[in-house]
Amino acid sequence: MSRHAQRIETYEELNAEFADFEAQVRMMCEAERAVNVMVVSGDPGIGKSHRAKPILEEMKHAGKINYVYLQGQITPVQLYIKMWENPDAIFLLDDVNSIITDPKVGASLLKACTDTIPERIISWNSRNPLCVKVSKYDCQNNIEIKEKMEEIVETLDRKGLTSAHEAGETFPDMFYFTGALIILTNKSLSTIDKATE
């Protein structure tokens, strides 16, 4: 789990590392974040989720953040929908290896989210011309898009469809994202780097 990729040998070293991790999670919850993404890699069962979730829940209940927890097998389609619905949220992505090792859509989506500017434009497949055009201030159109997206989620859930082209004419072509990502994974950082190059 160490940022320095060094081997942790003792329980004291692990606790010190987690104290640093918890401080960083709290910093991600600040209005003026220095970064928009944190990737934490470590062995299964060492407490990555166990340490991050209570902090995010506490901040959410205090009204300081919007927080979304996603775990396991999700598709880029499902992540895009959740981000559209919660554009200001801190997303805790827990073992979503299907996204972080997807060299095309998943990697592109994650890269767009993690840009350093506060308000990032997120688009589906580089503003696919088939997607519904979105206006930042056109709330009615955005509500209609949300309803269409909910329909496709039901279809995805019912039929088990996961391919990106299913978004088709249903997705908004872009939206503004001010949130952040905390990515917890058992994959090594070098594996992630190779997948997202």
Protein backbone atom coordinates (compact mmCIF):
# COMPACT_ATOMS: atom_id res chain seq x y z
CA MET A 1 0.00 0.00 0.00
CA SER A 2 2.95 2.30 0.45
CA ARG A 3 3.36 5.28 -1.86
CA HIS A 4 7.05 4.44 -1.88
CA ALA A 5 6.54 0.82 -3.01
CA GLN A 6 8.57 -0.41 -0.05
CA ARG A 7 7.77 -3.59 1.80
CA ILE A 8 5.98 -3.13 5.13
CA GLU A 9 7.46 -5.54 7.66
CA THR A 10 5.84 -4.70 11.00
CA TYR A 11 2.43 -3.87 12.42
CA GLU A 12 3.78 -0.46 13.54
CA GLU A 13 4.86 0.33 9.98
CA LEU A 14 1.42 -0.65 8.71
CA ASN A 15 -0.30 1.60 11.29
CA ALA A 16 1.96 4.51 10.37
CA GLU A 17 1.20 3.97 6.70
CA PHE A 18 -2.54 3.85 7.40
CA ALA A 19 -2.39 7.04 9.48
CA ASP A 20 -0.88 8.73 6.42
CA PHE A 21 -3.55 7.13 4.18
CA GLU A 22 -6.39 8.33 6.44
CA ALA A 23 -4.96 11.87 6.43
CA GLN A 24 -4.88 11.78 2.63
CA VAL A 25 -8.50 10.58 2.45
CA ARG A 26 -9.48 13.54 4.65
CA MET A 27 -7.55 15.90 2.35
CA MET A 28 -9.52 14.53 -0.62
CA CYS A 29 -12.69 15.71 1.17
CA GLU A 30 -11.54 19.33 1.35
CA ALA A 31 -13.19 21.87 -0.93
CA GLU A 32 -9.81 23.03 -2.26
CA ARG A 33 -8.22 19.67 -3.11
CA ALA A 34 -4.67 19.63 -4.42
CA VAL A 35 -5.35 16.45 -6.43
CA ASN A 36 -8.46 14.78 -7.83
CA VAL A 37 -7.36 11.14 -7.62
CA MET A 38 -5.67 8.79 -5.19
CA VAL A 39 -4.72 5.23 -6.17
CA VAL A 40 -4.05 2.85 -3.31
CA SER A 41 -2.60 -0.55 -4.14
CA GLY A 42 -2.14 -3.29 -1.57
CA ASP A 43 -2.74 -6.89 -0.68
CA PRO A 44 -6.32 -8.08 -0.08
CA GLY A 45 -7.57 -7.88 3.49
CA ILE A 46 -5.13 -5.31 4.87
CA GLY A 47 -7.87 -2.73 5.52
CA LYS A 48 -7.87 -0.31 2.60
CA SER A 49 -11.69 -0.16 2.40
CA HIS A 50 -12.09 -0.56 6.16
CA ARG A 51 -10.06 2.61 6.76
CA ALA A 52 -11.42 4.78 3.93
CA LYS A 53 -15.18 4.11 4.11
CA PRO A 54 -15.78 5.37 7.69
CA ILE A 55 -14.00 8.66 6.95
CA LEU A 56 -16.06 9.24 3.82
CA GLU A 57 -19.29 8.25 5.61
CA GLU A 58 -18.46 10.66 8.45
CA MET A 59 -17.83 13.51 6.00
CA LYS A 60 -21.02 12.70 4.10
CA HIS A 61 -23.14 12.69 7.27
CA ALA A 62 -21.58 16.00 8.29
CA GLY A 63 -22.77 17.43 4.96
CA LYS A 64 -19.24 18.13 3.75
CA ILE A 65 -19.21 15.82 0.72
CA ASN A 66 -21.32 13.74 -1.61
CA TYR A 67 -19.87 10.22 -1.59
CA VAL A 68 -20.49 7.20 -3.86
CA TYR A 69 -19.13 3.72 -3.17
CA LEU A 70 -18.72 1.33 -6.11
CA GLN A 71 -17.30 -2.15 -5.72
CA GLY A 72 -16.41 -5.08 -7.95
CA GLN A 73 -17.32 -5.65 -11.56
CA ILE A 74 -18.69 -2.46 -13.06
CA THR A 75 -18.51 -1.32 -16.65
CA PRO A 76 -17.43 2.07 -18.00
CA VAL A 77 -21.10 2.55 -18.98
CA GLN A 78 -22.21 2.12 -15.37
CA LEU A 79 -19.44 4.39 -14.04
CA TYR A 80 -20.31 7.13 -16.54
CA ILE A 81 -23.95 7.01 -15.47
CA LYS A 82 -23.06 7.22 -11.76
CA MET A 83 -20.72 10.13 -12.41
CA TRP A 84 -23.38 11.94 -14.45
CA GLU A 85 -25.83 11.50 -11.57
CA ASN A 86 -23.25 12.62 -8.94
CA PRO A 87 -20.92 15.10 -10.65
CA ASP A 88 -19.65 16.59 -7.39
CA ALA A 89 -19.10 13.30 -5.52
CA ILE A 90 -16.01 11.63 -4.18
CA PHE A 91 -16.09 8.14 -5.69
CA LEU A 92 -14.57 5.30 -3.73
CA LEU A 93 -13.83 2.67 -6.39
CA ASP A 94 -13.08 -0.56 -4.56
CA ASP A 95 -11.54 -3.37 -6.61
CA VAL A 96 -13.06 -2.13 -9.85
CA ASN A 97 -10.28 -3.74 -11.86
CA SER A 98 -12.55 -4.03 -14.89
CA ILE A 99 -12.37 -0.23 -15.18
CA ILE A 100 -8.77 0.47 -14.24
CA THR A 101 -7.33 -2.17 -16.57
CA ASP A 102 -9.63 -1.33 -19.52
CA PRO A 103 -7.11 0.24 -21.95
CA LYS A 104 -9.73 2.07 -23.98
CA VAL A 105 -12.96 3.41 -22.50
CA GLY A 106 -12.19 2.84 -18.81
CA ALA A 107 -8.74 4.43 -18.94
CA SER A 108 -10.01 7.40 -20.96
CA LEU A 109 -12.84 7.99 -18.53
CA LEU A 110 -10.54 7.82 -15.51
CA LYS A 111 -7.97 10.12 -17.12
CA ALA A 112 -10.62 12.77 -17.83
CA CYS A 113 -11.83 12.62 -14.21
CA THR A 114 -8.39 13.08 -12.74
CA ASP A 115 -7.27 16.22 -14.54
CA THR A 116 -6.00 18.82 -12.08
CA ILE A 117 -8.49 21.60 -12.82
CA PRO A 118 -11.48 21.87 -10.46
CA GLU A 119 -14.19 21.51 -13.13
CA ARG A 120 -13.47 18.84 -15.74
CA ILE A 121 -15.43 18.04 -18.89
CA ILE A 122 -16.26 14.34 -19.06
CA SER A 123 -17.41 13.01 -22.41
CA TRP A 124 -18.47 9.65 -23.74
CA ASN A 125 -16.15 8.29 -26.44
CA SER A 126 -14.71 11.72 -27.24
CA ARG A 127 -18.07 13.43 -27.56
CA ASN A 128 -19.64 10.79 -29.73
CA PRO A 129 -21.91 12.59 -32.25
CA LEU A 130 -24.67 10.03 -31.60
CA CYS A 131 -24.94 11.12 -27.96
CA VAL A 132 -27.48 13.66 -26.74
CA LYS A 133 -26.12 17.21 -26.69
CA VAL A 134 -25.99 18.69 -23.20
CA SER A 135 -26.15 22.30 -22.16
CA LYS A 136 -24.64 23.11 -18.78
CA TYR A 137 -27.71 25.14 -17.79
CA ASP A 138 -30.47 23.25 -19.63
CA CYS A 139 -31.94 21.45 -16.65
CA GLN A 140 -35.05 20.11 -18.39
CA ASN A 141 -33.04 18.48 -21.17
CA ASN A 142 -30.68 17.05 -18.55
CA ILE A 143 -33.63 15.55 -16.61
CA GLU A 144 -34.85 13.87 -19.80
CA ILE A 145 -31.37 12.52 -20.44
CA LYS A 146 -31.25 11.16 -16.88
CA GLU A 147 -34.55 9.33 -17.44
CA LYS A 148 -33.21 7.79 -20.66
CA MET A 149 -30.03 6.76 -18.90
CA GLU A 150 -32.03 5.07 -16.14
CA GLU A 151 -33.79 3.04 -18.84
CA ILE A 152 -30.49 1.85 -20.29
CA VAL A 153 -29.25 0.90 -16.82
CA GLU A 154 -32.34 -1.29 -16.41
CA THR A 155 -31.61 -2.85 -19.81
CA LEU A 156 -27.97 -3.41 -18.85
CA ASP A 157 -29.03 -5.03 -15.58
CA ARG A 158 -31.70 -7.17 -17.22
CA LYS A 159 -29.73 -8.39 -20.22
CA GLY A 160 -26.26 -8.21 -18.75
CA LEU A 161 -25.09 -5.96 -21.59
CA THR A 162 -21.76 -4.30 -20.95
CA SER A 163 -20.51 -3.00 -24.28
CA ALA A 164 -19.88 0.69 -24.77
CA HIS A 165 -21.98 1.00 -27.91
CA GLU A 166 -25.11 0.36 -25.83
CA ALA A 167 -24.81 3.97 -24.66
CA GLY A 168 -25.64 5.07 -28.21
CA GLU A 169 -28.18 7.83 -28.46
CA THR A 170 -29.01 7.70 -24.76
CA PHE A 171 -25.93 9.22 -23.14
CA PRO A 172 -25.22 12.90 -22.73
CA ASP A 173 -22.29 13.89 -24.93
CA MET A 174 -20.55 15.51 -21.95
CA PHE A 175 -20.99 16.81 -18.42
CA TYR A 176 -19.04 18.84 -15.90
CA PHE A 177 -17.39 16.89 -13.10
CA THR A 178 -16.03 18.51 -9.93
CA GLY A 179 -15.65 15.34 -7.86
CA ALA A 180 -12.69 13.11 -7.08
CA LEU A 181 -11.70 9.45 -7.20
CA ILE A 182 -10.17 7.21 -4.56
CA ILE A 183 -9.23 3.96 -6.26
CA LEU A 184 -8.49 0.93 -4.07
CA THR A 185 -7.01 -2.07 -5.82
CA ASN A 186 -5.16 -5.31 -5.22
CA LYS A 187 -3.42 -4.89 -8.58
CA SER A 188 0.15 -3.63 -8.58
CA LEU A 189 0.69 -0.08 -9.76
CA SER A 190 2.92 -1.36 -12.58
CA THR A 191 0.05 -3.53 -13.86
CA ILE A 192 -2.24 -0.49 -13.88
CA ASP A 193 0.40 1.61 -15.64
CA LYS A 194 0.75 -0.99 -18.41
CA ALA A 195 -3.01 -1.19 -18.89
CA THR A 196 -3.49 2.57 -19.08
CA GLU A 197 -0.46 3.57 -21.15
